[in-house]
Amino acid sequence: MKDEKIYRISLLVSLLGLVALFVFAHISSPESVDLEELGHGDIGDRVKIEGTVGSVHVSEGGHLFFHVKEGNGKIDVVLFEDDLISMDLEPDELEDGDKAVVIGDIELYRGDIQIQPVEIRLD
């Protein structure tokens, strides 16, 4: 009897934990931001942006640089070699004109806003 009670309590707690994880995942999704509205107030935020890829360039050190543009808005995207490996992304997968969704952190570099991606999806 005691083992059955522990089993039921364990099952209930597990189910409640799964529901909490599901709810938290939806609440913590990054906010989708219009590129034209990005500004210095967004530095440090994790955002989701969508647009057209351009100016794709791979440095000698293996870093990938490009920008994402939509309407009048544009932001530079920087992917360091280690990030490319962890995202399982090959630099030649990305071409000018591709549609992309980028989730990442807004940073300031030499006075310009850029995004350091944690996820890139090509549409």
PDB file of N, CA and C in Angstrom:
ATOM      1  N   MET A   1       0.829  -1.207   0.000  1.00  0.00           N
ATOM      2  CA  MET A   1       0.000   0.000   0.000  1.00  0.00           C
ATOM      3  C   MET A   1       0.864   1.257   0.000  1.00  0.00           C
ATOM      4  N   LYS A   2       1.932   1.246   0.814  1.00  0.00           N
ATOM      5  CA  LYS A   2       2.791   2.402   0.922  1.00  0.00           C
ATOM      6  C   LYS A   2       3.524   2.666  -0.400  1.00  0.00           C
ATOM      7  N   ASP A   3       3.992   1.599  -1.078  1.00  0.00           N
ATOM      8  CA  ASP A   3       4.680   1.744  -2.358  1.00  0.00           C
ATOM      9  C   ASP A   3       3.744   2.320  -3.422  1.00  0.00           C
ATOM     10  N   GLU A   4       2.494   1.912  -3.400  1.00  0.00           N
ATOM     11  CA  GLU A   4       1.527   2.420  -4.379  1.00  0.00           C
ATOM     12  C   GLU A   4       1.275   3.908  -4.172  1.00  0.00           C
ATOM     13  N   LYS A   5       1.237   4.340  -2.944  1.00  0.00           N
ATOM     14  CA  LYS A   5       1.028   5.745  -2.639  1.00  0.00           C
ATOM     15  C   LYS A   5       2.227   6.584  -3.117  1.00  0.00           C
ATOM     16  N   ILE A   6       3.430   6.102  -2.868  1.00  0.00           N
ATOM     17  CA  ILE A   6       4.637   6.800  -3.318  1.00  0.00           C
ATOM     18  C   ILE A   6       4.652   6.865  -4.845  1.00  0.00           C
ATOM     19  N   TYR A   7       4.259   5.778  -5.505  1.00  0.00           N
ATOM     20  CA  TYR A   7       4.213   5.743  -6.965  1.00  0.00           C
ATOM     21  C   TYR A   7       3.233   6.793  -7.499  1.00  0.00           C
ATOM     22  N   ARG A   8       2.068   6.891  -6.918  1.00  0.00           N
ATOM     23  CA  ARG A   8       1.069   7.873  -7.365  1.00  0.00           C
ATOM     24  C   ARG A   8       1.554   9.310  -7.151  1.00  0.00           C
ATOM     25  N   ILE A   9       2.166   9.567  -6.013  1.00  0.00           N
ATOM     26  CA  ILE A   9       2.690  10.900  -5.732  1.00  0.00           C
ATOM     27  C   ILE A   9       3.803  11.241  -6.725  1.00  0.00           C
ATOM     28  N   SER A  10       4.682  10.293  -6.989  1.00  0.00           N
ATOM     29  CA  SER A  10       5.775  10.511  -7.949  1.00  0.00           C
ATOM     30  C   SER A  10       5.232  10.796  -9.339  1.00  0.00           C
ATOM     31  N   LEU A  11       4.230  10.064  -9.744  1.00  0.00           N
ATOM     32  CA  LEU A  11       3.623  10.255 -11.054  1.00  0.00           C
ATOM     33  C   LEU A  11       2.969  11.636 -11.146  1.00  0.00           C
ATOM     34  N   LEU A  12       2.268  12.034 -10.124  1.00  0.00           N
ATOM     35  CA  LEU A  12       1.609  13.341 -10.099  1.00  0.00           C
ATOM     36  C   LEU A  12       2.632  14.481 -10.155  1.00  0.00           C
ATOM     37  N   VAL A  13       3.690  14.371  -9.365  1.00  0.00           N
ATOM     38  CA  VAL A  13       4.729  15.405  -9.364  1.00  0.00           C
ATOM     39  C   VAL A  13       5.415  15.468 -10.735  1.00  0.00           C
ATOM     40  N   SER A  14       5.664  14.328 -11.353  1.00  0.00           N
ATOM     41  CA  SER A  14       6.285  14.301 -12.683  1.00  0.00           C
ATOM     42  C   SER A  14       5.403  14.980 -13.717  1.00  0.00           C
ATOM     43  N   LEU A  15       4.125  14.687 -13.687  1.00  0.00           N
ATOM     44  CA  LEU A  15       3.197  15.307 -14.634  1.00  0.00           C
ATOM     45  C   LEU A  15       3.107  16.817 -14.426  1.00  0.00           C
ATOM     46  N   LEU A  16       3.050  17.245 -13.177  1.00  0.00           N
ATOM     47  CA  LEU A  16       3.023  18.675 -12.886  1.00  0.00           C
ATOM     48  C   LEU A  16       4.310  19.354 -13.370  1.00  0.00           C
ATOM     49  N   GLY A  17       5.439  18.692 -13.220  1.00  0.00           N
ATOM     50  CA  GLY A  17       6.703  19.234 -13.700  1.00  0.00           C
ATOM     51  C   GLY A  17       6.716  19.383 -15.209  1.00  0.00           C
ATOM     52  N   LEU A  18       6.192  18.404 -15.931  1.00  0.00           N
ATOM     53  CA  LEU A  18       6.123  18.488 -17.392  1.00  0.00           C
ATOM     54  C   LEU A  18       5.216  19.632 -17.842  1.00  0.00           C
ATOM     55  N   VAL A  19       4.096  19.798 -17.186  1.00  0.00           N
ATOM     56  CA  VAL A  19       3.188  20.898 -17.518  1.00  0.00           C
ATOM     57  C   VAL A  19       3.878  22.233 -17.248  1.00  0.00           C
ATOM     58  N   ALA A  20       4.576  22.342 -16.140  1.00  0.00           N
ATOM     59  CA  ALA A  20       5.280  23.588 -15.811  1.00  0.00           C
ATOM     60  C   ALA A  20       6.361  23.886 -16.847  1.00  0.00           C
ATOM     61  N   LEU A  21       7.107  22.886 -17.287  1.00  0.00           N
ATOM     62  CA  LEU A  21       8.124  23.083 -18.319  1.00  0.00           C
ATOM     63  C   LEU A  21       7.501  23.549 -19.623  1.00  0.00           C
ATOM     64  N   PHE A  22       6.379  22.971 -20.000  1.00  0.00           N
ATOM     65  CA  PHE A  22       5.686  23.351 -21.231  1.00  0.00           C
ATOM     66  C   PHE A  22       5.239  24.806 -21.162  1.00  0.00           C
ATOM     67  N   VAL A  23       4.651  25.202 -20.056  1.00  0.00           N
ATOM     68  CA  VAL A  23       4.178  26.578 -19.887  1.00  0.00           C
ATOM     69  C   VAL A  23       5.362  27.540 -19.878  1.00  0.00           C
ATOM     70  N   PHE A  24       6.420  27.205 -19.161  1.00  0.00           N
ATOM     71  CA  PHE A  24       7.595  28.072 -19.077  1.00  0.00           C
ATOM     72  C   PHE A  24       8.253  28.244 -20.445  1.00  0.00           C
ATOM     73  N   ALA A  25       8.289  27.185 -21.238  1.00  0.00           N
ATOM     74  CA  ALA A  25       8.905  27.265 -22.573  1.00  0.00           C
ATOM     75  C   ALA A  25       8.169  28.274 -23.448  1.00  0.00           C
ATOM     76  N   HIS A  26       6.860  28.324 -23.335  1.00  0.00           N
ATOM     77  CA  HIS A  26       6.096  29.275 -24.142  1.00  0.00           C
ATOM     78  C   HIS A  26       6.204  30.704 -23.615  1.00  0.00           C
ATOM     79  N   ILE A  27       6.310  30.840 -22.331  1.00  0.00           N
ATOM     80  CA  ILE A  27       6.420  32.165 -21.730  1.00  0.00           C
ATOM     81  C   ILE A  27       7.799  32.763 -22.003  1.00  0.00           C
ATOM     82  N   SER A  28       8.845  31.934 -21.986  1.00  0.00           N
ATOM     83  CA  SER A  28      10.204  32.441 -22.099  1.00  0.00           C
ATOM     84  C   SER A  28      10.699  32.550 -23.545  1.00  0.00           C
ATOM     85  N   SER A  29       9.837  32.324 -24.518  1.00  0.00           N
ATOM     86  CA  SER A  29      10.242  32.480 -25.914  1.00  0.00           C
ATOM     87  C   SER A  29      10.643  33.925 -26.163  1.00  0.00           C
ATOM     88  N   PRO A  30      11.716  34.121 -26.935  1.00  0.00           N
ATOM     89  CA  PRO A  30      12.142  35.500 -27.182  1.00  0.00           C
ATOM     90  C   PRO A  30      11.104  36.275 -27.968  1.00  0.00           C
ATOM     91  N   GLU A  31      11.066  37.562 -27.695  1.00  0.00           N
ATOM     92  CA  GLU A  31      10.112  38.446 -28.356  1.00  0.00           C
ATOM     93  C   GLU A  31      10.545  38.672 -29.803  1.00  0.00           C
ATOM     94  N   SER A  32       9.603  38.578 -30.723  1.00  0.00           N
ATOM     95  CA  SER A  32       9.873  38.874 -32.122  1.00  0.00           C
ATOM     96  C   SER A  32       9.912  40.392 -32.281  1.00  0.00           C
ATOM     97  N   VAL A  33      11.018  40.903 -32.835  1.00  0.00           N
ATOM     98  CA  VAL A  33      11.233  42.334 -32.921  1.00  0.00           C
ATOM     99  C   VAL A  33      11.336  42.753 -34.382  1.00  0.00           C
ATOM    100  N   ASP A  34      10.698  43.867 -34.704  1.00  0.00           N
ATOM    101  CA  ASP A  34      10.798  44.462 -36.033  1.00  0.00           C
ATOM    102  C   ASP A  34      12.169  45.123 -36.138  1.00  0.00           C
ATOM    103  N   LEU A  35      12.920  44.801 -37.186  1.00  0.00           N
ATOM    104  CA  LEU A  35      14.268  45.341 -37.336  1.00  0.00           C
ATOM    105  C   LEU A  35      14.307  46.857 -37.333  1.00  0.00           C
ATOM    106  N   GLU A  36      13.271  47.497 -37.850  1.00  0.00           N
ATOM    107  CA  GLU A  36      13.244  48.960 -37.897  1.00  0.00           C
ATOM    108  C   GLU A  36      13.135  49.574 -36.507  1.00  0.00           C
ATOM    109  N   GLU A  37      12.681  48.787 -35.538  1.00  0.00           N
ATOM    110  CA  GLU A  37      12.466  49.305 -34.186  1.00  0.00           C
ATOM    111  C   GLU A  37      13.605  48.982 -33.222  1.00  0.00           C
ATOM    112  N   LEU A  38      14.600  48.214 -33.655  1.00  0.00           N
ATOM    113  CA  LEU A  38      15.714  47.874 -32.769  1.00  0.00           C
ATOM    114  C   LEU A  38      16.520  49.119 -32.441  1.00  0.00           C
ATOM    115  N   GLY A  39      16.923  49.219 -31.183  1.00  0.00           N
ATOM    116  CA  GLY A  39      17.709  50.370 -30.767  1.00  0.00           C
ATOM    117  C   GLY A  39      18.594  50.033 -29.583  1.00  0.00           C
ATOM    118  N   HIS A  40      19.274  51.034 -29.069  1.00  0.00           N
ATOM    119  CA  HIS A  40      20.184  50.829 -27.944  1.00  0.00           C
ATOM    120  C   HIS A  40      19.464  50.315 -26.699  1.00  0.00           C
ATOM    121  N   GLY A  41      18.178  50.566 -26.605  1.00  0.00           N
ATOM    122  CA  GLY A  41      17.405  50.070 -25.463  1.00  0.00           C
ATOM    123  C   GLY A  41      17.231  48.562 -25.471  1.00  0.00           C
ATOM    124  N   ASP A  42      17.547  47.928 -26.585  1.00  0.00           N
ATOM    125  CA  ASP A  42      17.406  46.474 -26.694  1.00  0.00           C
ATOM    126  C   ASP A  42      18.699  45.730 -26.365  1.00  0.00           C
ATOM    127  N   ILE A  43      19.785  46.458 -26.095  1.00  0.00           N
ATOM    128  CA  ILE A  43      21.068  45.817 -25.801  1.00  0.00           C
ATOM    129  C   ILE A  43      20.917  44.915 -24.578  1.00  0.00           C
ATOM    130  N   GLY A  44      21.389  43.694 -24.718  1.00  0.00           N
ATOM    131  CA  GLY A  44      21.296  42.713 -23.643  1.00  0.00           C
ATOM    132  C   GLY A  44      20.067  41.831 -23.727  1.00  0.00           C
ATOM    133  N   ASP A  45      19.118  42.187 -24.583  1.00  0.00           N
ATOM    134  CA  ASP A  45      17.897  41.391 -24.721  1.00  0.00           C
ATOM    135  C   ASP A  45      18.103  40.244 -25.697  1.00  0.00           C
ATOM    136  N   ARG A  46      17.417  39.148 -25.456  1.00  0.00           N
ATOM    137  CA  ARG A  46      17.358  38.047 -26.422  1.00  0.00           C
ATOM    138  C   ARG A  46      16.100  38.267 -27.248  1.00  0.00           C
ATOM    139  N   VAL A  47      16.276  38.333 -28.571  1.00  0.00           N
ATOM    140  CA  VAL A  47      15.175  38.635 -29.472  1.00  0.00           C
ATOM    141  C   VAL A  47      15.148  37.642 -30.626  1.00  0.00           C
ATOM    142  N   LYS A  48      14.043  37.687 -31.329  1.00  0.00           N
ATOM    143  CA  LYS A  48      13.877  36.906 -32.556  1.00  0.00           C
ATOM    144  C   LYS A  48      13.659  37.905 -33.686  1.00  0.00           C
ATOM    145  N   ILE A  49      14.474  37.788 -34.744  1.00  0.00           N
ATOM    146  CA  ILE A  49      14.326  38.665 -35.892  1.00  0.00           C
ATOM    147  C   ILE A  49      14.151  37.816 -37.146  1.00  0.00           C
ATOM    148  N   GLU A  50      13.506  38.395 -38.142  1.00  0.00           N
ATOM    149  CA  GLU A  50      13.309  37.712 -39.409  1.00  0.00           C
ATOM    150  C   GLU A  50      13.646  38.671 -40.533  1.00  0.00           C
ATOM    151  N   GLY A  51      14.232  38.137 -41.606  1.00  0.00           N
ATOM    152  CA  GLY A  51      14.548  38.990 -42.735  1.00  0.00           C
ATOM    153  C   GLY A  51      15.365  38.269 -43.779  1.00  0.00           C
ATOM    154  N   THR A  52      15.951  39.070 -44.667  1.00  0.00           N
ATOM    155  CA  THR A  52      16.733  38.558 -45.785  1.00  0.00           C
ATOM    156  C   THR A  52      18.214  38.687 -45.478  1.00  0.00           C
ATOM    157  N   VAL A  53      18.953  37.619 -45.727  1.00  0.00           N
ATOM    158  CA  VAL A  53      20.389  37.570 -45.483  1.00  0.00           C
ATOM    159  C   VAL A  53      21.131  38.303 -46.598  1.00  0.00           C
ATOM    160  N   GLY A  54      22.188  39.039 -46.217  1.00  0.00           N
ATOM    161  CA  GLY A  54      23.019  39.711 -47.201  1.00  0.00           C
ATOM    162  C   GLY A  54      24.442  39.852 -46.717  1.00  0.00           C
ATOM    163  N   SER A  55      25.340  40.161 -47.630  1.00  0.00           N
ATOM    164  CA  SER A  55      26.761  40.415 -47.340  1.00  0.00           C
ATOM    165  C   SER A  55      27.408  39.287 -46.546  1.00  0.00           C
ATOM    166  N   VAL A  56      27.169  38.050 -46.954  1.00  0.00           N
ATOM    167  CA  VAL A  56      27.753  36.898 -46.264  1.00  0.00           C
ATOM    168  C   VAL A  56      29.264  36.880 -46.504  1.00  0.00           C
ATOM    169  N   HIS A  57      30.021  36.774 -45.405  1.00  0.00           N
ATOM    170  CA  HIS A  57      31.476  36.771 -45.486  1.00  0.00           C
ATOM    171  C   HIS A  57      32.044  35.860 -44.397  1.00  0.00           C
ATOM    172  N   VAL A  58      32.995  35.017 -44.791  1.00  0.00           N
ATOM    173  CA  VAL A  58      33.697  34.170 -43.829  1.00  0.00           C
ATOM    174  C   VAL A  58      35.116  34.698 -43.688  1.00  0.00           C
ATOM    175  N   SER A  59      35.538  34.980 -42.464  1.00  0.00           N
ATOM    176  CA  SER A  59      36.882  35.511 -42.223  1.00  0.00           C
ATOM    177  C   SER A  59      37.916  34.394 -42.285  1.00  0.00           C
ATOM    178  N   GLU A  60      39.185  34.782 -42.323  1.00  0.00           N
ATOM    179  CA  GLU A  60      40.271  33.803 -42.319  1.00  0.00           C
ATOM    180  C   GLU A  60      40.246  32.960 -41.051  1.00  0.00           C
ATOM    181  N   GLY A  61      39.753  33.540 -39.965  1.00  0.00           N
ATOM    182  CA  GLY A  61      39.674  32.817 -38.698  1.00  0.00           C
ATOM    183  C   GLY A  61      38.490  31.872 -38.604  1.00  0.00           C
ATOM    184  N   GLY A  62      37.649  31.834 -39.648  1.00  0.00           N
ATOM    185  CA  GLY A  62      36.515  30.920 -39.659  1.00  0.00           C
ATOM    186  C   GLY A  62      35.237  31.513 -39.091  1.00  0.00           C
ATOM    187  N   HIS A  63      35.226  32.815 -38.823  1.00  0.00           N
ATOM    188  CA  HIS A  63      34.024  33.469 -38.308  1.00  0.00           C
ATOM    189  C   HIS A  63      33.126  33.864 -39.469  1.00  0.00           C
ATOM    190  N   LEU A  64      31.827  33.827 -39.239  1.00  0.00           N
ATOM    191  CA  LEU A  64      30.845  34.151 -40.272  1.00  0.00           C
ATOM    192  C   LEU A  64      30.198  35.492 -39.953  1.00  0.00           C
ATOM    193  N   PHE A  65      30.188  36.376 -40.926  1.00  0.00           N
ATOM    194  CA  PHE A  65      29.583  37.691 -40.784  1.00  0.00           C
ATOM    195  C   PHE A  65      28.542  37.859 -41.884  1.00  0.00           C
ATOM    196  N   PHE A  66      27.396  38.425 -41.536  1.00  0.00           N
ATOM    197  CA  PHE A  66      26.369  38.755 -42.518  1.00  0.00           C
ATOM    198  C   PHE A  66      25.409  39.747 -41.879  1.00  0.00           C
ATOM    199  N   HIS A  67      24.471  40.232 -42.653  1.00  0.00           N
ATOM    200  CA  HIS A  67      23.439  41.073 -42.061  1.00  0.00           C
ATOM    201  C   HIS A  67      22.075  40.502 -42.431  1.00  0.00           C
ATOM    202  N   VAL A  68      21.103  40.885 -41.642  1.00  0.00           N
ATOM    203  CA  VAL A  68      19.706  40.534 -41.905  1.00  0.00           C
ATOM    204  C   VAL A  68      18.979  41.851 -42.105  1.00  0.00           C
ATOM    205  N   LYS A  69      18.205  41.916 -43.179  1.00  0.00           N
ATOM    206  CA  LYS A  69      17.520  43.151 -43.533  1.00  0.00           C
ATOM    207  C   LYS A  69      16.043  42.866 -43.768  1.00  0.00           C
ATOM    208  N   GLU A  70      15.229  43.800 -43.289  1.00  0.00           N
ATOM    209  CA  GLU A  70      13.791  43.749 -43.556  1.00  0.00           C
ATOM    210  C   GLU A  70      13.293  45.181 -43.614  1.00  0.00           C
ATOM    211  N   GLY A  71      12.672  45.545 -44.716  1.00  0.00           N
ATOM    212  CA  GLY A  71      12.214  46.921 -44.884  1.00  0.00           C
ATOM    213  C   GLY A  71      13.394  47.864 -44.806  1.00  0.00           C
ATOM    214  N   ASN A  72      13.287  48.878 -43.942  1.00  0.00           N
ATOM    215  CA  ASN A  72      14.383  49.825 -43.762  1.00  0.00           C
ATOM    216  C   ASN A  72      15.319  49.437 -42.623  1.00  0.00           C
ATOM    217  N   GLY A  73      15.045  48.326 -41.959  1.00  0.00           N
ATOM    218  CA  GLY A  73      15.874  47.892 -40.840  1.00  0.00           C
ATOM    219  C   GLY A  73      16.925  46.880 -41.270  1.00  0.00           C
ATOM    220  N   LYS A  74      18.081  46.959 -40.605  1.00  0.00           N
ATOM    221  CA  LYS A  74      19.175  46.052 -40.908  1.00  0.00           C
ATOM    222  C   LYS A  74      20.002  45.868 -39.652  1.00  0.00           C
ATOM    223  N   ILE A  75      20.492  44.636 -39.428  1.00  0.00           N
ATOM    224  CA  ILE A  75      21.365  44.373 -38.285  1.00  0.00           C
ATOM    225  C   ILE A  75      22.458  43.404 -38.705  1.00  0.00           C
ATOM    226  N   ASP A  76      23.662  43.647 -38.171  1.00  0.00           N
ATOM    227  CA  ASP A  76      24.785  42.755 -38.425  1.00  0.00           C
ATOM    228  C   ASP A  76      24.674  41.525 -37.526  1.00  0.00           C
ATOM    229  N   VAL A  77      25.069  40.392 -38.091  1.00  0.00           N
ATOM    230  CA  VAL A  77      25.056  39.122 -37.364  1.00  0.00           C
ATOM    231  C   VAL A  77      26.483  38.585 -37.375  1.00  0.00           C
ATOM    232  N   VAL A  78      26.974  38.196 -36.209  1.00  0.00           N
ATOM    233  CA  VAL A  78      28.330  37.677 -36.080  1.00  0.00           C
ATOM    234  C   VAL A  78      28.270  36.293 -35.455  1.00  0.00           C
ATOM    235  N   LEU A  79      28.840  35.332 -36.165  1.00  0.00           N
ATOM    236  CA  LEU A  79      28.914  33.962 -35.665  1.00  0.00           C
ATOM    237  C   LEU A  79      30.378  33.566 -35.590  1.00  0.00           C
ATOM    238  N   PHE A  80      30.862  33.338 -34.408  1.00  0.00           N
ATOM    239  CA  PHE A  80      32.238  32.904 -34.244  1.00  0.00           C
ATOM    240  C   PHE A  80      32.354  31.421 -34.558  1.00  0.00           C
ATOM    241  N   GLU A  81      33.560  30.985 -34.868  1.00  0.00           N
ATOM    242  CA  GLU A  81      33.785  29.608 -35.320  1.00  0.00           C
ATOM    243  C   GLU A  81      33.205  28.584 -34.353  1.00  0.00           C
ATOM    244  N   ASP A  82      33.404  28.779 -33.054  1.00  0.00           N
ATOM    245  CA  ASP A  82      32.871  27.842 -32.060  1.00  0.00           C
ATOM    246  C   ASP A  82      31.347  27.777 -32.103  1.00  0.00           C
ATOM    247  N   ASP A  83      30.704  28.937 -32.358  1.00  0.00           N
ATOM    248  CA  ASP A  83      29.242  28.971 -32.448  1.00  0.00           C
ATOM    249  C   ASP A  83      28.760  28.219 -33.681  1.00  0.00           C
ATOM    250  N   LEU A  84      29.485  28.349 -34.778  1.00  0.00           N
ATOM    251  CA  LEU A  84      29.134  27.603 -35.994  1.00  0.00           C
ATOM    252  C   LEU A  84      29.149  26.104 -35.725  1.00  0.00           C
ATOM    253  N   ILE A  85      30.168  25.663 -35.011  1.00  0.00           N
ATOM    254  CA  ILE A  85      30.288  24.238 -34.693  1.00  0.00           C
ATOM    255  C   ILE A  85      29.151  23.799 -33.790  1.00  0.00           C
ATOM    256  N   SER A  86      28.860  24.571 -32.742  1.00  0.00           N
ATOM    257  CA  SER A  86      27.807  24.171 -31.797  1.00  0.00           C
ATOM    258  C   SER A  86      26.420  24.207 -32.437  1.00  0.00           C
ATOM    259  N   MET A  87      26.228  25.081 -33.442  1.00  0.00           N
ATOM    260  CA  MET A  87      24.936  25.154 -34.140  1.00  0.00           C
ATOM    261  C   MET A  87      24.862  24.166 -35.297  1.00  0.00           C
ATOM    262  N   ASP A  88      25.972  23.472 -35.555  1.00  0.00           N
ATOM    263  CA  ASP A  88      26.039  22.536 -36.671  1.00  0.00           C
ATOM    264  C   ASP A  88      25.666  23.239 -37.976  1.00  0.00           C
ATOM    265  N   LEU A  89      26.271  24.421 -38.189  1.00  0.00           N
ATOM    266  CA  LEU A  89      25.993  25.240 -39.359  1.00  0.00           C
ATOM    267  C   LEU A  89      27.269  25.401 -40.167  1.00  0.00           C
ATOM    268  N   GLU A  90      27.192  25.104 -41.437  1.00  0.00           N
ATOM    269  CA  GLU A  90      28.318  25.303 -42.343  1.00  0.00           C
ATOM    270  C   GLU A  90      28.173  26.683 -42.988  1.00  0.00           C
ATOM    271  N   PRO A  91      29.261  27.460 -43.081  1.00  0.00           N
ATOM    272  CA  PRO A  91      29.174  28.796 -43.669  1.00  0.00           C
ATOM    273  C   PRO A  91      28.592  28.812 -45.077  1.00  0.00           C
ATOM    274  N   ASP A  92      28.830  27.762 -45.857  1.00  0.00           N
ATOM    275  CA  ASP A  92      28.326  27.749 -47.233  1.00  0.00           C
ATOM    276  C   ASP A  92      26.832  27.423 -47.323  1.00  0.00           C
ATOM    277  N   GLU A  93      26.189  27.131 -46.185  1.00  0.00           N
ATOM    278  CA  GLU A  93      24.743  26.914 -46.174  1.00  0.00           C
ATOM    279  C   GLU A  93      23.983  28.233 -46.317  1.00  0.00           C
ATOM    280  N   LEU A  94      24.638  29.322 -45.993  1.00  0.00           N
ATOM    281  CA  LEU A  94      24.008  30.636 -45.956  1.00  0.00           C
ATOM    282  C   LEU A  94      24.417  31.428 -47.193  1.00  0.00           C
ATOM    283  N   GLU A  95      23.426  31.943 -47.916  1.00  0.00           N
ATOM    284  CA  GLU A  95      23.706  32.707 -49.125  1.00  0.00           C
ATOM    285  C   GLU A  95      22.914  34.014 -49.111  1.00  0.00           C
ATOM    286  N   ASP A  96      23.461  35.012 -49.813  1.00  0.00           N
ATOM    287  CA  ASP A  96      22.739  36.268 -49.967  1.00  0.00           C
ATOM    288  C   ASP A  96      21.357  35.989 -50.548  1.00  0.00           C
ATOM    289  N   GLY A  97      20.347  36.612 -49.976  1.00  0.00           N
ATOM    290  CA  GLY A  97      18.977  36.442 -50.456  1.00  0.00           C
ATOM    291  C   GLY A  97      18.175  35.405 -49.697  1.00  0.00           C
ATOM    292  N   ASP A  98      18.842  34.572 -48.874  1.00  0.00           N
ATOM    293  CA  ASP A  98      18.117  33.589 -48.062  1.00  0.00           C
ATOM    294  C   ASP A  98      17.214  34.304 -47.059  1.00  0.00           C
ATOM    295  N   LYS A  99      16.079  33.719 -46.771  1.00  0.00           N
ATOM    296  CA  LYS A  99      15.211  34.200 -45.696  1.00  0.00           C
ATOM    297  C   LYS A  99      15.625  33.462 -44.428  1.00  0.00           C
ATOM    298  N   ALA A 100      15.792  34.207 -43.344  1.00  0.00           N
ATOM    299  CA  ALA A 100      16.272  33.600 -42.110  1.00  0.00           C
ATOM    300  C   ALA A 100      15.518  34.126 -40.898  1.00  0.00           C
ATOM    301  N   VAL A 101      15.442  33.271 -39.894  1.00  0.00           N
ATOM    302  CA  VAL A 101      14.961  33.633 -38.565  1.00  0.00           C
ATOM    303  C   VAL A 101      16.157  33.479 -37.641  1.00  0.00           C
ATOM    304  N   VAL A 102      16.486  34.541 -36.926  1.00  0.00           N
ATOM    305  CA  VAL A 102      17.640  34.526 -36.033  1.00  0.00           C
ATOM    306  C   VAL A 102      17.169  34.834 -34.618  1.00  0.00           C
ATOM    307  N   ILE A 103      17.536  33.980 -33.704  1.00  0.00           N
ATOM    308  CA  ILE A 103      17.285  34.213 -32.282  1.00  0.00           C
ATOM    309  C   ILE A 103      18.649  34.442 -31.644  1.00  0.00           C
ATOM    310  N   GLY A 104      18.776  35.551 -30.924  1.00  0.00           N
ATOM    311  CA  GLY A 104      20.065  35.843 -30.317  1.00  0.00           C
ATOM    312  C   GLY A 104      20.018  37.043 -29.398  1.00  0.00           C
ATOM    313  N   ASP A 105      21.205  37.409 -28.934  1.00  0.00           N
ATOM    314  CA  ASP A 105      21.353  38.484 -27.968  1.00  0.00           C
ATOM    315  C   ASP A 105      21.844  39.749 -28.669  1.00  0.00           C
ATOM    316  N   ILE A 106      21.198  40.872 -28.367  1.00  0.00           N
ATOM    317  CA  ILE A 106      21.576  42.150 -28.948  1.00  0.00           C
ATOM    318  C   ILE A 106      22.783  42.696 -28.191  1.00  0.00           C
ATOM    319  N   GLU A 107      23.831  43.043 -28.948  1.00  0.00           N
ATOM    320  CA  GLU A 107      25.060  43.565 -28.364  1.00  0.00           C
ATOM    321  C   GLU A 107      25.473  44.851 -29.075  1.00  0.00           C
ATOM    322  N   LEU A 108      26.360  45.568 -28.437  1.00  0.00           N
ATOM    323  CA  LEU A 108      26.900  46.781 -29.024  1.00  0.00           C
ATOM    324  C   LEU A 108      28.375  46.532 -29.322  1.00  0.00           C
ATOM    325  N   TYR A 109      28.795  46.794 -30.567  1.00  0.00           N
ATOM    326  CA  TYR A 109      30.191  46.628 -30.956  1.00  0.00           C
ATOM    327  C   TYR A 109      30.618  47.857 -31.747  1.00  0.00           C
ATOM    328  N   ARG A 110      31.565  48.578 -31.205  1.00  0.00           N
ATOM    329  CA  ARG A 110      32.075  49.802 -31.831  1.00  0.00           C
ATOM    330  C   ARG A 110      30.955  50.777 -32.195  1.00  0.00           C
ATOM    331  N   GLY A 111      29.993  50.878 -31.295  1.00  0.00           N
ATOM    332  CA  GLY A 111      28.902  51.832 -31.478  1.00  0.00           C
ATOM    333  C   GLY A 111      27.749  51.331 -32.314  1.00  0.00           C
ATOM    334  N   ASP A 112      27.877  50.151 -32.909  1.00  0.00           N
ATOM    335  CA  ASP A 112      26.815  49.592 -33.747  1.00  0.00           C
ATOM    336  C   ASP A 112      26.142  48.418 -33.051  1.00  0.00           C
ATOM    337  N   ILE A 113      24.848  48.313 -33.256  1.00  0.00           N
ATOM    338  CA  ILE A 113      24.088  47.192 -32.701  1.00  0.00           C
ATOM    339  C   ILE A 113      24.284  45.982 -33.599  1.00  0.00           C
ATOM    340  N   GLN A 114      24.500  44.830 -32.971  1.00  0.00           N
ATOM    341  CA  GLN A 114      24.596  43.573 -33.704  1.00  0.00           C
ATOM    342  C   GLN A 114      23.923  42.484 -32.886  1.00  0.00           C
ATOM    343  N   ILE A 115      23.718  41.353 -33.506  1.00  0.00           N
ATOM    344  CA  ILE A 115      23.105  40.235 -32.801  1.00  0.00           C
ATOM    345  C   ILE A 115      24.065  39.061 -32.789  1.00  0.00           C
ATOM    346  N   GLN A 116      24.218  38.467 -31.621  1.00  0.00           N
ATOM    347  CA  GLN A 116      25.032  37.260 -31.438  1.00  0.00           C
ATOM    348  C   GLN A 116      24.045  36.094 -31.365  1.00  0.00           C
ATOM    349  N   PRO A 117      23.907  35.332 -32.445  1.00  0.00           N
ATOM    350  CA  PRO A 117      22.858  34.316 -32.503  1.00  0.00           C
ATOM    351  C   PRO A 117      23.103  33.099 -31.626  1.00  0.00           C
ATOM    352  N   VAL A 118      22.008  32.532 -31.151  1.00  0.00           N
ATOM    353  CA  VAL A 118      22.041  31.243 -30.478  1.00  0.00           C
ATOM    354  C   VAL A 118      21.311  30.199 -31.333  1.00  0.00           C
ATOM    355  N   GLU A 119      20.541  30.706 -32.312  1.00  0.00           N
ATOM    356  CA  GLU A 119      19.815  29.814 -33.219  1.00  0.00           C
ATOM    357  C   GLU A 119      19.561  30.555 -34.542  1.00  0.00           C
ATOM    358  N   ILE A 120      19.773  29.846 -35.631  1.00  0.00           N
ATOM    359  CA  ILE A 120      19.475  30.380 -36.964  1.00  0.00           C
ATOM    360  C   ILE A 120      18.680  29.328 -37.712  1.00  0.00           C
ATOM    361  N   ARG A 121      17.541  29.761 -38.263  1.00  0.00           N
ATOM    362  CA  ARG A 121      16.718  28.870 -39.090  1.00  0.00           C
ATOM    363  C   ARG A 121      16.557  29.512 -40.460  1.00  0.00           C
ATOM    364  N   LEU A 122      16.804  28.742 -41.479  1.00  0.00           N
ATOM    365  CA  LEU A 122      16.603  29.237 -42.842  1.00  0.00           C
ATOM    366  C   LEU A 122      15.238  28.818 -43.318  1.00  0.00           C
ATOM    367  N   ASP A 123      14.509  29.764 -43.911  1.00  0.00           N
ATOM    368  CA  ASP A 123      13.163  29.460 -44.423  1.00  0.00           C
ATOM    369  C   ASP A 123      13.241  29.050 -45.871  1.00  0.00           C
TER     370      ASP A 123
END
